[in-house]
Amino acid sequence: MDADTVMTVGNEMLWVTLKLAAPILLSVLAAGLVIAMFQAATQINEMTLTFVPKLIVVAMVLVLAGHWMLRLLTDYTRTLFENIPSLIG
């Protein structure tokens, strides 16, 4: 296994990780922005007010995109396992 193969596998792994994390992180970022604007408008500075809506958003994203995320991870793992003989020798 040469350096190009290692870099290719690592690059693929990083892209899959980015694709898996992006829906959750972007939705929580949007929810946090909306909550922060609400807090700024009403001058409510309660720290626990941000936690519950973000938790609900994460749960909704996992329910809606969980199937796609699991399929993406399974496909990557299957491809990686199928390519083990060509990666080793």
C-alpha atoms as a PDB file:
ATOM      1  CA  MET A   1       0.000   0.000   0.000  1.00  0.00           C
ATOM      2  CA  ASP A   2       1.593   3.232  -1.156  1.00  0.00           C
ATOM      3  CA  ALA A   3       1.087   6.817  -0.032  1.00  0.00           C
ATOM      4  CA  ASP A   4      -1.375   7.627  -2.822  1.00  0.00           C
ATOM      5  CA  THR A   5      -3.686   4.827  -1.732  1.00  0.00           C
ATOM      6  CA  VAL A   6      -3.551   5.946   1.886  1.00  0.00           C
ATOM      7  CA  MET A   7      -4.311   9.530   0.859  1.00  0.00           C
ATOM      8  CA  THR A   8      -7.228   8.400  -1.326  1.00  0.00           C
ATOM      9  CA  VAL A   9      -8.769   6.305   1.449  1.00  0.00           C
ATOM     10  CA  GLY A  10      -8.242   9.130   3.938  1.00  0.00           C
ATOM     11  CA  ASN A  11      -9.745  11.671   1.561  1.00  0.00           C
ATOM     12  CA  GLU A  12     -12.794   9.463   1.009  1.00  0.00           C
ATOM     13  CA  MET A  13     -13.174   8.991   4.749  1.00  0.00           C
ATOM     14  CA  LEU A  14     -13.107  12.738   5.349  1.00  0.00           C
ATOM     15  CA  TRP A  15     -15.742  13.357   2.659  1.00  0.00           C
ATOM     16  CA  VAL A  16     -18.039  10.718   4.141  1.00  0.00           C
ATOM     17  CA  THR A  17     -17.562  12.255   7.589  1.00  0.00           C
ATOM     18  CA  LEU A  18     -18.376  15.699   6.219  1.00  0.00           C
ATOM     19  CA  LYS A  19     -21.490  14.401   4.470  1.00  0.00           C
ATOM     20  CA  LEU A  20     -22.633  12.689   7.674  1.00  0.00           C
ATOM     21  CA  ALA A  21     -22.029  15.668   9.957  1.00  0.00           C
ATOM     22  CA  ALA A  22     -23.221  18.471   7.668  1.00  0.00           C
ATOM     23  CA  PRO A  23     -27.015  17.990   7.974  1.00  0.00           C
ATOM     24  CA  ILE A  24     -26.890  17.890  11.762  1.00  0.00           C
ATOM     25  CA  LEU A  25     -24.432  20.738  12.174  1.00  0.00           C
ATOM     26  CA  LEU A  26     -26.110  23.043   9.660  1.00  0.00           C
ATOM     27  CA  SER A  27     -29.576  22.501  11.109  1.00  0.00           C
ATOM     28  CA  VAL A  28     -28.352  23.121  14.661  1.00  0.00           C
ATOM     29  CA  LEU A  29     -26.537  26.227  13.428  1.00  0.00           C
ATOM     30  CA  ALA A  30     -29.745  27.543  11.852  1.00  0.00           C
ATOM     31  CA  ALA A  31     -31.769  26.749  14.977  1.00  0.00           C
ATOM     32  CA  GLY A  32     -29.176  28.469  17.148  1.00  0.00           C
ATOM     33  CA  LEU A  33     -29.278  31.543  14.940  1.00  0.00           C
ATOM     34  CA  VAL A  34     -33.076  31.736  15.149  1.00  0.00           C
ATOM     35  CA  ILE A  35     -33.003  31.277  18.922  1.00  0.00           C
ATOM     36  CA  ALA A  36     -30.276  33.902  19.303  1.00  0.00           C
ATOM     37  CA  MET A  37     -32.311  36.381  17.259  1.00  0.00           C
ATOM     38  CA  PHE A  38     -35.356  35.626  19.436  1.00  0.00           C
ATOM     39  CA  GLN A  39     -33.299  36.128  22.588  1.00  0.00           C
ATOM     40  CA  ALA A  40     -31.872  39.391  21.272  1.00  0.00           C
ATOM     41  CA  ALA A  41     -35.318  40.678  20.355  1.00  0.00           C
ATOM     42  CA  THR A  42     -36.918  39.763  23.670  1.00  0.00           C
ATOM     43  CA  GLN A  43     -33.816  40.248  25.851  1.00  0.00           C
ATOM     44  CA  ILE A  44     -34.289  36.833  27.428  1.00  0.00           C
ATOM     45  CA  ASN A  45     -30.819  35.603  28.342  1.00  0.00           C
ATOM     46  CA  GLU A  46     -31.621  32.123  29.554  1.00  0.00           C
ATOM     47  CA  MET A  47     -28.946  29.581  28.622  1.00  0.00           C
ATOM     48  CA  THR A  48     -31.271  26.583  28.898  1.00  0.00           C
ATOM     49  CA  LEU A  49     -33.593  28.101  26.297  1.00  0.00           C
ATOM     50  CA  THR A  50     -31.150  27.186  23.542  1.00  0.00           C
ATOM     51  CA  PHE A  51     -30.590  23.578  24.570  1.00  0.00           C
ATOM     52  CA  VAL A  52     -34.040  22.025  24.175  1.00  0.00           C
ATOM     53  CA  PRO A  53     -34.838  23.385  20.675  1.00  0.00           C
ATOM     54  CA  LYS A  54     -31.415  22.320  19.407  1.00  0.00           C
ATOM     55  CA  LEU A  55     -31.959  18.855  20.854  1.00  0.00           C
ATOM     56  CA  ILE A  56     -35.343  18.645  19.127  1.00  0.00           C
ATOM     57  CA  VAL A  57     -33.787  19.778  15.833  1.00  0.00           C
ATOM     58  CA  VAL A  58     -31.071  17.114  16.092  1.00  0.00           C
ATOM     59  CA  ALA A  59     -33.699  14.447  16.764  1.00  0.00           C
ATOM     60  CA  MET A  60     -35.786  15.599  13.788  1.00  0.00           C
ATOM     61  CA  VAL A  61     -32.766  15.606  11.463  1.00  0.00           C
ATOM     62  CA  LEU A  62     -31.792  12.119  12.602  1.00  0.00           C
ATOM     63  CA  VAL A  63     -35.334  10.879  11.994  1.00  0.00           C
ATOM     64  CA  LEU A  64     -35.549  12.512   8.570  1.00  0.00           C
ATOM     65  CA  ALA A  65     -32.007  11.899   7.304  1.00  0.00           C
ATOM     66  CA  GLY A  66     -31.003   8.898   9.399  1.00  0.00           C
ATOM     67  CA  HIS A  67     -31.802   6.379   6.689  1.00  0.00           C
ATOM     68  CA  TRP A  68     -29.663   8.244   4.160  1.00  0.00           C
ATOM     69  CA  MET A  69     -26.831   8.671   6.672  1.00  0.00           C
ATOM     70  CA  LEU A  70     -26.843   4.994   7.610  1.00  0.00           C
ATOM     71  CA  ARG A  71     -26.907   3.958   3.937  1.00  0.00           C
ATOM     72  CA  LEU A  72     -23.980   6.292   3.173  1.00  0.00           C
ATOM     73  CA  LEU A  73     -21.923   4.875   6.028  1.00  0.00           C
ATOM     74  CA  THR A  74     -22.823   1.292   5.129  1.00  0.00           C
ATOM     75  CA  ASP A  75     -21.930   1.810   1.463  1.00  0.00           C
ATOM     76  CA  TYR A  76     -18.588   3.350   2.383  1.00  0.00           C
ATOM     77  CA  THR A  77     -17.786   0.529   4.794  1.00  0.00           C
ATOM     78  CA  ARG A  78     -18.816  -2.128   2.278  1.00  0.00           C
ATOM     79  CA  THR A  79     -16.694  -0.498  -0.434  1.00  0.00           C
ATOM     80  CA  LEU A  80     -13.736  -0.260   1.920  1.00  0.00           C
ATOM     81  CA  PHE A  81     -14.040  -3.921   2.916  1.00  0.00           C
ATOM     82  CA  GLU A  82     -14.403  -5.011  -0.715  1.00  0.00           C
ATOM     83  CA  ASN A  83     -11.267  -3.073  -1.644  1.00  0.00           C
ATOM     84  CA  ILE A  84      -9.094  -4.565   1.115  1.00  0.00           C
ATOM     85  CA  PRO A  85      -7.456  -7.180  -1.195  1.00  0.00           C
ATOM     86  CA  SER A  86      -6.531  -4.535  -3.762  1.00  0.00           C
ATOM     87  CA  LEU A  87      -5.325  -2.140  -1.041  1.00  0.00           C
ATOM     88  CA  ILE A  88      -3.049  -4.684   0.587  1.00  0.00           C
ATOM     89  CA  GLY A  89      -1.463  -6.332  -2.372  1.00  0.00           C
END
